[in-house]
PDB file of all heavy atoms in Angstrom:
ATOM      1  N   THR A   1     114.647  87.332 127.075  1.00  0.00           N
ATOM      2  CA  THR A   1     113.209  87.505 127.142  1.00  0.00           C
ATOM      3  C   THR A   1     112.867  88.916 127.631  1.00  0.00           C
ATOM      4  O   THR A   1     111.988  89.604 127.094  1.00  0.00           O
ATOM      5  CB  THR A   1     112.547  86.474 128.068  1.00  0.00           C
ATOM      6  OG1 THR A   1     112.741  85.200 127.445  1.00  0.00           O
ATOM      7  CG2 THR A   1     111.066  86.738 128.229  1.00  0.00           C
ATOM      8  N   SER A   2     113.543  89.335 128.725  1.00  0.00           N
ATOM      9  CA  SER A   2     113.323  90.643 129.284  1.00  0.00           C
ATOM     10  C   SER A   2     113.571  91.738 128.267  1.00  0.00           C
ATOM     11  O   SER A   2     112.806  92.694 128.141  1.00  0.00           O
ATOM     12  CB  SER A   2     114.236  90.887 130.519  1.00  0.00           C
ATOM     13  OG  SER A   2     114.045  92.129 131.069  1.00  0.00           O
ATOM     14  N   ARG A   3     114.634  91.560 127.500  1.00  0.00           N
ATOM     15  CA  ARG A   3     114.988  92.576 126.483  1.00  0.00           C
ATOM     16  C   ARG A   3     113.922  92.636 125.309  1.00  0.00           C
ATOM     17  O   ARG A   3     113.570  93.676 124.811  1.00  0.00           O
ATOM     18  CB  ARG A   3     116.397  92.373 125.960  1.00  0.00           C
ATOM     19  CG  ARG A   3     117.449  92.530 126.996  1.00  0.00           C
ATOM     20  CD  ARG A   3     118.836  92.603 126.407  1.00  0.00           C
ATOM     21  NE  ARG A   3     119.858  92.652 127.470  1.00  0.00           N
ATOM     22  CZ  ARG A   3     121.130  92.946 127.234  1.00  0.00           C
ATOM     23  NH1 ARG A   3     121.564  93.261 125.979  1.00  0.00           N
ATOM     24  NH2 ARG A   3     122.007  92.977 128.226  1.00  0.00           N
ATOM     25  N   ILE A   4     113.548  91.436 124.898  1.00  0.00           N
ATOM     26  CA  ILE A   4     112.604  91.335 123.763  1.00  0.00           C
ATOM     27  C   ILE A   4     111.229  91.895 124.192  1.00  0.00           C
ATOM     28  O   ILE A   4     110.605  92.610 123.425  1.00  0.00           O
ATOM     29  CB  ILE A   4     112.455  89.899 123.271  1.00  0.00           C
ATOM     30  CG1 ILE A   4     113.759  89.467 122.606  1.00  0.00           C
ATOM     31  CG2 ILE A   4     111.213  89.736 122.320  1.00  0.00           C
ATOM     32  CD1 ILE A   4     113.824  88.005 122.213  1.00  0.00           C
ATOM     33  N   THR A   5     110.818  91.582 125.364  1.00  0.00           N
ATOM     34  CA  THR A   5     109.483  92.012 125.760  1.00  0.00           C
ATOM     35  C   THR A   5     109.442  93.517 126.078  1.00  0.00           C
ATOM     36  O   THR A   5     108.392  94.167 126.203  1.00  0.00           O
ATOM     37  CB  THR A   5     108.933  91.247 127.002  1.00  0.00           C
ATOM     38  OG1 THR A   5     109.867  91.348 128.098  1.00  0.00           O
ATOM     39  CG2 THR A   5     108.710  89.783 126.646  1.00  0.00           C
ATOM     40  N   SER A   6     110.653  94.118 126.283  1.00  0.00           N
ATOM     41  CA  SER A   6     110.756  95.512 126.496  1.00  0.00           C
ATOM     42  C   SER A   6     110.775  96.347 125.200  1.00  0.00           C
ATOM     43  O   SER A   6     110.680  97.567 125.288  1.00  0.00           O
ATOM     44  CB  SER A   6     111.991  95.860 127.321  1.00  0.00           C
ATOM     45  OG  SER A   6     112.005  95.238 128.619  1.00  0.00           O
ATOM     46  N   LEU A   7     110.986  95.656 124.070  1.00  0.00           N
ATOM     47  CA  LEU A   7     111.032  96.334 122.825  1.00  0.00           C
ATOM     48  C   LEU A   7     109.649  96.892 122.502  1.00  0.00           C
ATOM     49  O   LEU A   7     108.625  96.259 122.750  1.00  0.00           O
ATOM     50  CB  LEU A   7     111.419  95.355 121.700  1.00  0.00           C
ATOM     51  CG  LEU A   7     112.811  94.730 121.737  1.00  0.00           C
ATOM     52  CD1 LEU A   7     112.957  93.742 120.652  1.00  0.00           C
ATOM     53  CD2 LEU A   7     113.891  95.815 121.634  1.00  0.00           C
ATOM     54  N   SER A   8     109.610  98.116 121.922  1.00  0.00           N
ATOM     55  CA  SER A   8     108.355  98.688 121.588  1.00  0.00           C
ATOM     56  C   SER A   8     107.907  98.032 120.304  1.00  0.00           C
ATOM     57  O   SER A   8     108.740  97.517 119.494  1.00  0.00           O
ATOM     58  CB  SER A   8     108.495 100.182 121.373  1.00  0.00           C
ATOM     59  OG  SER A   8     109.422 100.450 120.379  1.00  0.00           O
ATOM     60  N   ALA A   9     106.634  97.959 119.993  1.00  0.00           N
ATOM     61  CA  ALA A   9     106.129  97.379 118.751  1.00  0.00           C
ATOM     62  C   ALA A   9     106.287  98.458 117.694  1.00  0.00           C
ATOM     63  O   ALA A   9     105.364  99.032 117.217  1.00  0.00           O
ATOM     64  CB  ALA A   9     104.673  97.051 118.920  1.00  0.00           C
ATOM     65  N   ALA A  10     107.555  98.692 117.286  1.00  0.00           N
ATOM     66  CA  ALA A  10     107.843  99.721 116.343  1.00  0.00           C
ATOM     67  C   ALA A  10     107.424  99.331 114.938  1.00  0.00           C
ATOM     68  O   ALA A  10     107.480  98.130 114.650  1.00  0.00           O
ATOM     69  CB  ALA A  10     109.372 100.045 116.417  1.00  0.00           C
ATOM     70  N   PRO A  11     107.050 100.222 114.133  1.00  0.00           N
ATOM     71  CA  PRO A  11     106.663  99.891 112.738  1.00  0.00           C
ATOM     72  C   PRO A  11     107.908  99.433 112.021  1.00  0.00           C
ATOM     73  O   PRO A  11     109.021  99.849 112.186  1.00  0.00           O
ATOM     74  CB  PRO A  11     106.174 101.205 112.192  1.00  0.00           C
ATOM     75  CG  PRO A  11     106.784 102.290 113.036  1.00  0.00           C
ATOM     76  CD  PRO A  11     106.877 101.661 114.376  1.00  0.00           C
ATOM     77  N   GLY A  12     107.701  98.500 111.091  1.00  0.00           N
ATOM     78  CA  GLY A  12     108.826  97.971 110.254  1.00  0.00           C
ATOM     79  C   GLY A  12     109.276  99.001 109.261  1.00  0.00           C
ATOM     80  O   GLY A  12     108.662 100.001 108.995  1.00  0.00           O
ATOM     81  N   ASP A  13     110.383  98.648 108.616  1.00  0.00           N
ATOM     82  CA  ASP A  13     110.924  99.624 107.654  1.00  0.00           C
ATOM     83  C   ASP A  13     110.134  99.494 106.284  1.00  0.00           C
ATOM     84  O   ASP A  13     109.293  98.608 106.124  1.00  0.00           O
ATOM     85  CB  ASP A  13     112.434  99.358 107.356  1.00  0.00           C
ATOM     86  CG  ASP A  13     112.707  97.939 106.976  1.00  0.00           C
ATOM     87  OD1 ASP A  13     111.853  97.361 106.279  1.00  0.00           O
ATOM     88  OD2 ASP A  13     113.800  97.407 107.372  1.00  0.00           O
ATOM     89  N   ALA A  14     110.401 100.411 105.398  1.00  0.00           N
ATOM     90  CA  ALA A  14     109.672 100.449 104.225  1.00  0.00           C
ATOM     91  C   ALA A  14     109.787  99.184 103.383  1.00  0.00           C
ATOM     92  O   ALA A  14     108.827  98.752 102.721  1.00  0.00           O
ATOM     93  CB  ALA A  14     110.095 101.652 103.357  1.00  0.00           C
ATOM     94  N   ALA A  15     110.945  98.583 103.374  1.00  0.00           N
ATOM     95  CA  ALA A  15     111.145  97.354 102.602  1.00  0.00           C
ATOM     96  C   ALA A  15     110.260  96.240 103.102  1.00  0.00           C
ATOM     97  O   ALA A  15     109.650  95.505 102.330  1.00  0.00           O
ATOM     98  CB  ALA A  15     112.650  96.950 102.662  1.00  0.00           C
ATOM     99  N   ASP A  16     110.233  96.063 104.397  1.00  0.00           N
ATOM    100  CA  ASP A  16     109.322  95.056 105.014  1.00  0.00           C
ATOM    101  C   ASP A  16     107.890  95.333 104.618  1.00  0.00           C
ATOM    102  O   ASP A  16     107.146  94.362 104.252  1.00  0.00           O
ATOM    103  CB  ASP A  16     109.463  95.069 106.560  1.00  0.00           C
ATOM    104  CG  ASP A  16     110.807  94.491 106.975  1.00  0.00           C
ATOM    105  OD1 ASP A  16     111.400  93.777 106.151  1.00  0.00           O
ATOM    106  OD2 ASP A  16     111.191  94.697 108.130  1.00  0.00           O
ATOM    107  N   SER A  17     107.412  96.549 104.712  1.00  0.00           N
ATOM    108  CA  SER A  17     106.030  96.856 104.390  1.00  0.00           C
ATOM    109  C   SER A  17     105.721  96.600 102.982  1.00  0.00           C
ATOM    110  O   SER A  17     104.658  96.100 102.609  1.00  0.00           O
ATOM    111  CB  SER A  17     105.769  98.378 104.748  1.00  0.00           C
ATOM    112  OG  SER A  17     105.963  98.624 106.115  1.00  0.00           O
ATOM    113  N   ALA A  18     106.644  96.907 102.075  1.00  0.00           N
ATOM    114  CA  ALA A  18     106.406  96.686 100.668  1.00  0.00           C
ATOM    115  C   ALA A  18     106.334  95.248 100.385  1.00  0.00           C
ATOM    116  O   ALA A  18     105.521  94.684  99.549  1.00  0.00           O
ATOM    117  CB  ALA A  18     107.580  97.328  99.851  1.00  0.00           C
ATOM    118  N   SER A  19     107.182  94.432 101.060  1.00  0.00           N
ATOM    119  CA  SER A  19     107.178  92.987 100.840  1.00  0.00           C
ATOM    120  C   SER A  19     105.851  92.395 101.267  1.00  0.00           C
ATOM    121  O   SER A  19     105.278  91.517 100.604  1.00  0.00           O
ATOM    122  CB  SER A  19     108.359  92.356 101.608  1.00  0.00           C
ATOM    123  OG  SER A  19     108.300  90.932 101.499  1.00  0.00           O
ATOM    124  N   LEU A  20     105.341  92.827 102.461  1.00  0.00           N
ATOM    125  CA  LEU A  20     104.089  92.321 102.965  1.00  0.00           C
ATOM    126  C   LEU A  20     102.957  92.687 102.028  1.00  0.00           C
ATOM    127  O   LEU A  20     102.035  91.898 101.784  1.00  0.00           O
ATOM    128  CB  LEU A  20     103.890  92.892 104.370  1.00  0.00           C
ATOM    129  CG  LEU A  20     104.762  92.359 105.469  1.00  0.00           C
ATOM    130  CD1 LEU A  20     104.432  93.059 106.764  1.00  0.00           C
ATOM    131  CD2 LEU A  20     104.616  90.884 105.639  1.00  0.00           C
ATOM    132  N   ALA A  21     103.023  93.900 101.493  1.00  0.00           N
ATOM    133  CA  ALA A  21     101.872  94.365 100.682  1.00  0.00           C
ATOM    134  C   ALA A  21     101.870  93.595  99.373  1.00  0.00           C
ATOM    135  O   ALA A  21     100.780  93.386  98.721  1.00  0.00           O
ATOM    136  CB  ALA A  21     102.055  95.833 100.325  1.00  0.00           C
ATOM    137  N   ALA A  22     103.023  93.076  98.932  1.00  0.00           N
ATOM    138  CA  ALA A  22     103.137  92.371  97.627  1.00  0.00           C
ATOM    139  C   ALA A  22     102.639  90.932  97.769  1.00  0.00           C
ATOM    140  O   ALA A  22     102.381  90.313  96.799  1.00  0.00           O
ATOM    141  CB  ALA A  22     104.511  92.407  97.105  1.00  0.00           C
ATOM    142  N   ASP A  23     102.572  90.456  98.974  1.00  0.00           N
ATOM    143  CA  ASP A  23     102.163  89.089  99.208  1.00  0.00           C
ATOM    144  C   ASP A  23     100.685  88.980  99.425  1.00  0.00           C
ATOM    145  O   ASP A  23     100.163  89.450 100.434  1.00  0.00           O
ATOM    146  CB  ASP A  23     102.967  88.545 100.406  1.00  0.00           C
ATOM    147  CG  ASP A  23     102.781  87.052 100.543  1.00  0.00           C
ATOM    148  OD1 ASP A  23     101.806  86.482  99.984  1.00  0.00           O
ATOM    149  OD2 ASP A  23     103.524  86.425 101.388  1.00  0.00           O
ATOM    150  N   ALA A  24      99.983  88.315  98.564  1.00  0.00           N
ATOM    151  CA  ALA A  24      98.528  88.269  98.593  1.00  0.00           C
ATOM    152  C   ALA A  24      98.015  87.461  99.708  1.00  0.00           C
ATOM    153  O   ALA A  24      96.873  87.599 100.130  1.00  0.00           O
ATOM    154  CB  ALA A  24      97.943  87.683  97.271  1.00  0.00           C
ATOM    155  N   THR A  25      98.876  86.661 100.299  1.00  0.00           N
ATOM    156  CA  THR A  25      98.494  85.802 101.459  1.00  0.00           C
ATOM    157  C   THR A  25      98.663  86.491 102.762  1.00  0.00           C
ATOM    158  O   THR A  25      98.248  85.948 103.786  1.00  0.00           O
ATOM    159  CB  THR A  25      99.254  84.500 101.460  1.00  0.00           C
ATOM    160  OG1 THR A  25     100.643  84.761 101.767  1.00  0.00           O
ATOM    161  CG2 THR A  25      99.125  83.737 100.152  1.00  0.00           C
ATOM    162  N   VAL A  26      99.227  87.684 102.798  1.00  0.00           N
ATOM    163  CA  VAL A  26      99.492  88.422 104.016  1.00  0.00           C
ATOM    164  C   VAL A  26      98.462  89.544 104.124  1.00  0.00           C
ATOM    165  O   VAL A  26      98.118  90.192 103.217  1.00  0.00           O
ATOM    166  CB  VAL A  26     100.890  89.003 104.007  1.00  0.00           C
ATOM    167  CG1 VAL A  26     101.105  89.815 105.258  1.00  0.00           C
ATOM    168  CG2 VAL A  26     101.936  87.893 103.886  1.00  0.00           C
ATOM    169  N   SER A  27      97.975  89.713 105.387  1.00  0.00           N
ATOM    170  CA  SER A  27      96.922  90.674 105.551  1.00  0.00           C
ATOM    171  C   SER A  27      97.517  92.061 105.541  1.00  0.00           C
ATOM    172  O   SER A  27      98.728  92.286 105.617  1.00  0.00           O
ATOM    173  CB  SER A  27      96.253  90.461 106.945  1.00  0.00           C
ATOM    174  OG  SER A  27      97.181  90.780 107.926  1.00  0.00           O
ATOM    175  N   ALA A  28      96.639  93.073 105.500  1.00  0.00           N
ATOM    176  CA  ALA A  28      97.071  94.487 105.536  1.00  0.00           C
ATOM    177  C   ALA A  28      97.749  94.806 106.861  1.00  0.00           C
ATOM    178  O   ALA A  28      98.491  95.745 106.931  1.00  0.00           O
ATOM    179  CB  ALA A  28      95.864  95.378 105.283  1.00  0.00           C
ATOM    180  N   GLU A  29      97.351  94.127 107.859  1.00  0.00           N
ATOM    181  CA  GLU A  29      97.963  94.354 109.166  1.00  0.00           C
ATOM    182  C   GLU A  29      99.328  93.711 109.262  1.00  0.00           C
ATOM    183  O   GLU A  29      99.498  92.506 109.172  1.00  0.00           O
ATOM    184  CB  GLU A  29      97.101  93.738 110.342  1.00  0.00           C
ATOM    185  CG  GLU A  29      97.734  93.957 111.688  1.00  0.00           C
ATOM    186  CD  GLU A  29      96.924  93.182 112.790  1.00  0.00           C
ATOM    187  OE1 GLU A  29      96.204  92.281 112.429  1.00  0.00           O
ATOM    188  OE2 GLU A  29      97.129  93.478 113.912  1.00  0.00           O
ATOM    189  N   SER A  30     100.361  94.453 109.396  1.00  0.00           N
ATOM    190  CA  SER A  30     101.722  93.981 109.453  1.00  0.00           C
ATOM    191  C   SER A  30     101.982  93.266 110.728  1.00  0.00           C
ATOM    192  O   SER A  30     101.404  93.607 111.803  1.00  0.00           O
ATOM    193  CB  SER A  30     102.715  95.148 109.311  1.00  0.00           C
ATOM    194  OG  SER A  30     104.032  94.752 109.678  1.00  0.00           O
ATOM    195  N   ALA A  31     102.899  92.332 110.673  1.00  0.00           N
ATOM    196  CA  ALA A  31     103.306  91.561 111.885  1.00  0.00           C
ATOM    197  C   ALA A  31     103.913  92.514 112.883  1.00  0.00           C
ATOM    198  O   ALA A  31     103.908  92.253 114.093  1.00  0.00           O
ATOM    199  CB  ALA A  31     104.292  90.439 111.560  1.00  0.00           C
ATOM    200  N   ASP A  32     104.436  93.645 112.389  1.00  0.00           N
ATOM    201  CA  ASP A  32     105.119  94.593 113.266  1.00  0.00           C
ATOM    202  C   ASP A  32     104.110  95.350 114.123  1.00  0.00           C
ATOM    203  O   ASP A  32     104.560  96.106 115.046  1.00  0.00           O
ATOM    204  CB  ASP A  32     105.951  95.541 112.430  1.00  0.00           C
ATOM    205  CG  ASP A  32     107.030  94.892 111.626  1.00  0.00           C
ATOM    206  OD1 ASP A  32     107.473  93.810 112.050  1.00  0.00           O
ATOM    207  OD2 ASP A  32     107.402  95.388 110.576  1.00  0.00           O
ATOM    208  N   ASP A  33     102.864  95.274 113.843  1.00  0.00           N
ATOM    209  CA  ASP A  33     101.876  95.958 114.634  1.00  0.00           C
ATOM    210  C   ASP A  33     101.625  95.319 115.991  1.00  0.00           C
ATOM    211  O   ASP A  33     100.946  95.937 116.861  1.00  0.00           O
ATOM    212  CB  ASP A  33     100.535  96.077 113.908  1.00  0.00           C
ATOM    213  CG  ASP A  33     100.659  96.885 112.645  1.00  0.00           C
ATOM    214  OD1 ASP A  33     101.471  97.825 112.607  1.00  0.00           O
ATOM    215  OD2 ASP A  33      99.859  96.665 111.668  1.00  0.00           O
ATOM    216  N   ARG A  34     102.138  94.104 116.136  1.00  0.00           N
ATOM    217  CA  ARG A  34     101.947  93.345 117.375  1.00  0.00           C
ATOM    218  C   ARG A  34     103.217  93.357 118.198  1.00  0.00           C
ATOM    219  O   ARG A  34     104.307  93.273 117.673  1.00  0.00           O
ATOM    220  CB  ARG A  34     101.516  91.937 117.071  1.00  0.00           C
ATOM    221  CG  ARG A  34     100.252  91.738 116.300  1.00  0.00           C
ATOM    222  CD  ARG A  34     100.094  90.273 115.896  1.00  0.00           C
ATOM    223  NE  ARG A  34      98.870  90.082 115.190  1.00  0.00           N
ATOM    224  CZ  ARG A  34      97.692  89.750 115.708  1.00  0.00           C
ATOM    225  NH1 ARG A  34      97.649  89.642 117.035  1.00  0.00           N
ATOM    226  NH2 ARG A  34      96.648  89.570 114.986  1.00  0.00           N
ATOM    227  N   PRO A  35     103.109  93.293 119.568  1.00  0.00           N
ATOM    228  CA  PRO A  35     104.338  93.066 120.340  1.00  0.00           C
ATOM    229  C   PRO A  35     104.726  91.650 120.190  1.00  0.00           C
ATOM    230  O   PRO A  35     103.966  90.715 119.982  1.00  0.00           O
ATOM    231  CB  PRO A  35     103.806  93.327 121.791  1.00  0.00           C
ATOM    232  CG  PRO A  35     102.390  93.036 121.741  1.00  0.00           C
ATOM    233  CD  PRO A  35     101.873  93.454 120.377  1.00  0.00           C
ATOM    234  N   THR A  36     106.039  91.462 120.267  1.00  0.00           N
ATOM    235  CA  THR A  36     106.618  90.087 120.197  1.00  0.00           C
ATOM    236  C   THR A  36     106.343  89.398 121.573  1.00  0.00           C
ATOM    237  O   THR A  36     106.651  89.964 122.622  1.00  0.00           O
ATOM    238  CB  THR A  36     108.097  90.091 119.890  1.00  0.00           C
ATOM    239  OG1 THR A  36     108.304  90.694 118.589  1.00  0.00           O
ATOM    240  CG2 THR A  36     108.707  88.731 119.922  1.00  0.00           C
ATOM    241  N   ARG A  37     105.822  88.235 121.525  1.00  0.00           N
ATOM    242  CA  ARG A  37     105.562  87.462 122.726  1.00  0.00           C
ATOM    243  C   ARG A  37     106.575  86.285 122.792  1.00  0.00           C
ATOM    244  O   ARG A  37     106.954  85.748 121.762  1.00  0.00           O
ATOM    245  CB  ARG A  37     104.136  86.952 122.689  1.00  0.00           C
ATOM    246  CG  ARG A  37     103.097  88.048 122.528  1.00  0.00           C
ATOM    247  CD  ARG A  37     101.735  87.606 122.621  1.00  0.00           C
ATOM    248  NE  ARG A  37     100.731  88.675 122.205  1.00  0.00           N
ATOM    249  CZ  ARG A  37     100.350  89.667 122.910  1.00  0.00           C
ATOM    250  NH1 ARG A  37     100.910  89.879 124.129  1.00  0.00           N
ATOM    251  NH2 ARG A  37      99.536  90.567 122.422  1.00  0.00           N
ATOM    252  N   VAL A  38     106.904  85.910 124.019  1.00  0.00           N
ATOM    253  CA  VAL A  38     107.962  84.830 124.231  1.00  0.00           C
ATOM    254  C   VAL A  38     107.340  83.700 124.994  1.00  0.00           C
ATOM    255  O   VAL A  38     106.666  83.909 125.970  1.00  0.00           O
ATOM    256  CB  VAL A  38     109.138  85.458 125.010  1.00  0.00           C
ATOM    257  CG1 VAL A  38     110.171  84.390 125.268  1.00  0.00           C
ATOM    258  CG2 VAL A  38     109.734  86.653 124.288  1.00  0.00           C
ATOM    259  N   ILE A  39     107.697  82.539 124.504  1.00  0.00           N
ATOM    260  CA  ILE A  39     107.382  81.291 125.230  1.00  0.00           C
ATOM    261  C   ILE A  39     108.688  80.651 125.628  1.00  0.00           C
ATOM    262  O   ILE A  39     109.545  80.403 124.762  1.00  0.00           O
ATOM    263  CB  ILE A  39     106.614  80.237 124.344  1.00  0.00           C
ATOM    264  CG1 ILE A  39     105.249  80.800 123.947  1.00  0.00           C
ATOM    265  CG2 ILE A  39     106.418  78.935 125.128  1.00  0.00           C
ATOM    266  CD1 ILE A  39     104.486  79.922 122.968  1.00  0.00           C
ATOM    267  N   ILE A  40     108.908  80.485 126.921  1.00  0.00           N
ATOM    268  CA  ILE A  40     110.081  79.852 127.437  1.00  0.00           C
ATOM    269  C   ILE A  40     109.879  78.297 127.240  1.00  0.00           C
ATOM    270  O   ILE A  40     108.896  77.745 127.675  1.00  0.00           O
ATOM    271  CB  ILE A  40     110.326  80.154 128.920  1.00  0.00           C
ATOM    272  CG1 ILE A  40     110.674  81.668 129.112  1.00  0.00           C
ATOM    273  CG2 ILE A  40     111.430  79.285 129.517  1.00  0.00           C
ATOM    274  CD1 ILE A  40     111.992  82.074 128.508  1.00  0.00           C
ATOM    275  N   LEU A  41     110.891  77.704 126.668  1.00  0.00           N
ATOM    276  CA  LEU A  41     110.934  76.208 126.491  1.00  0.00           C
ATOM    277  C   LEU A  41     112.163  75.688 127.124  1.00  0.00           C
ATOM    278  O   LEU A  41     113.287  76.049 126.710  1.00  0.00           O
ATOM    279  CB  LEU A  41     110.889  75.893 125.012  1.00  0.00           C
ATOM    280  CG  LEU A  41     109.540  75.835 124.314  1.00  0.00           C
ATOM    281  CD1 LEU A  41     109.687  75.703 122.841  1.00  0.00           C
ATOM    282  CD2 LEU A  41     108.724  74.562 124.827  1.00  0.00           C
ATOM    283  N   THR A  42     111.998  74.881 128.150  1.00  0.00           N
ATOM    284  CA  THR A  42     113.207  74.370 128.839  1.00  0.00           C
ATOM    285  C   THR A  42     113.052  72.910 129.222  1.00  0.00           C
ATOM    286  O   THR A  42     111.918  72.424 129.360  1.00  0.00           O
ATOM    287  CB  THR A  42     113.451  75.256 130.093  1.00  0.00           C
ATOM    288  OG1 THR A  42     114.641  74.780 130.828  1.00  0.00           O
ATOM    289  CG2 THR A  42     112.278  75.194 131.061  1.00  0.00           C
ATOM    290  N   THR A  43     114.166  72.275 129.502  1.00  0.00           N
ATOM    291  CA  THR A  43     114.225  70.916 130.010  1.00  0.00           C
ATOM    292  C   THR A  43     113.988  70.896 131.484  1.00  0.00           C
ATOM    293  O   THR A  43     113.569  69.880 132.045  1.00  0.00           O
ATOM    294  CB  THR A  43     115.592  70.269 129.667  1.00  0.00           C
ATOM    295  OG1 THR A  43     115.863  70.380 128.265  1.00  0.00           O
ATOM    296  CG2 THR A  43     115.628  68.764 130.077  1.00  0.00           C
ATOM    297  N   PHE A  44     114.273  71.970 132.131  1.00  0.00           N
ATOM    298  CA  PHE A  44     114.285  72.063 133.572  1.00  0.00           C
ATOM    299  C   PHE A  44     112.993  72.694 134.162  1.00  0.00           C
ATOM    300  O   PHE A  44     112.782  73.860 134.008  1.00  0.00           O
ATOM    301  CB  PHE A  44     115.536  72.849 134.049  1.00  0.00           C
ATOM    302  CG  PHE A  44     116.818  72.331 133.425  1.00  0.00           C
ATOM    303  CD1 PHE A  44     117.350  72.987 132.318  1.00  0.00           C
ATOM    304  CD2 PHE A  44     117.441  71.223 133.929  1.00  0.00           C
ATOM    305  CE1 PHE A  44     118.497  72.506 131.695  1.00  0.00           C
ATOM    306  CE2 PHE A  44     118.600  70.782 133.305  1.00  0.00           C
ATOM    307  CZ  PHE A  44     119.084  71.425 132.202  1.00  0.00           C
ATOM    308  N   ASP A  45     112.259  71.879 134.858  1.00  0.00           N
ATOM    309  CA  ASP A  45     110.955  72.277 135.453  1.00  0.00           C
ATOM    310  C   ASP A  45     111.289  72.842 136.864  1.00  0.00           C
ATOM    311  O   ASP A  45     110.971  72.263 137.867  1.00  0.00           O
ATOM    312  CB  ASP A  45     110.005  71.149 135.472  1.00  0.00           C
ATOM    313  CG  ASP A  45     108.637  71.575 135.983  1.00  0.00           C
ATOM    314  OD1 ASP A  45     108.361  72.807 135.987  1.00  0.00           O
ATOM    315  OD2 ASP A  45     107.826  70.700 136.314  1.00  0.00           O
TER     316      ASP A  45
END
């Protein structure tokens, strides 16, 4: 989690962008524009 939340919201590569643009159900805003958020799920409270 610490490593993932430290990642910068870097733009995706050209292949990813082209794929997103070709999908009519996907918005112009790429998923890569957002920081990745983490939900911890555990058995142990």
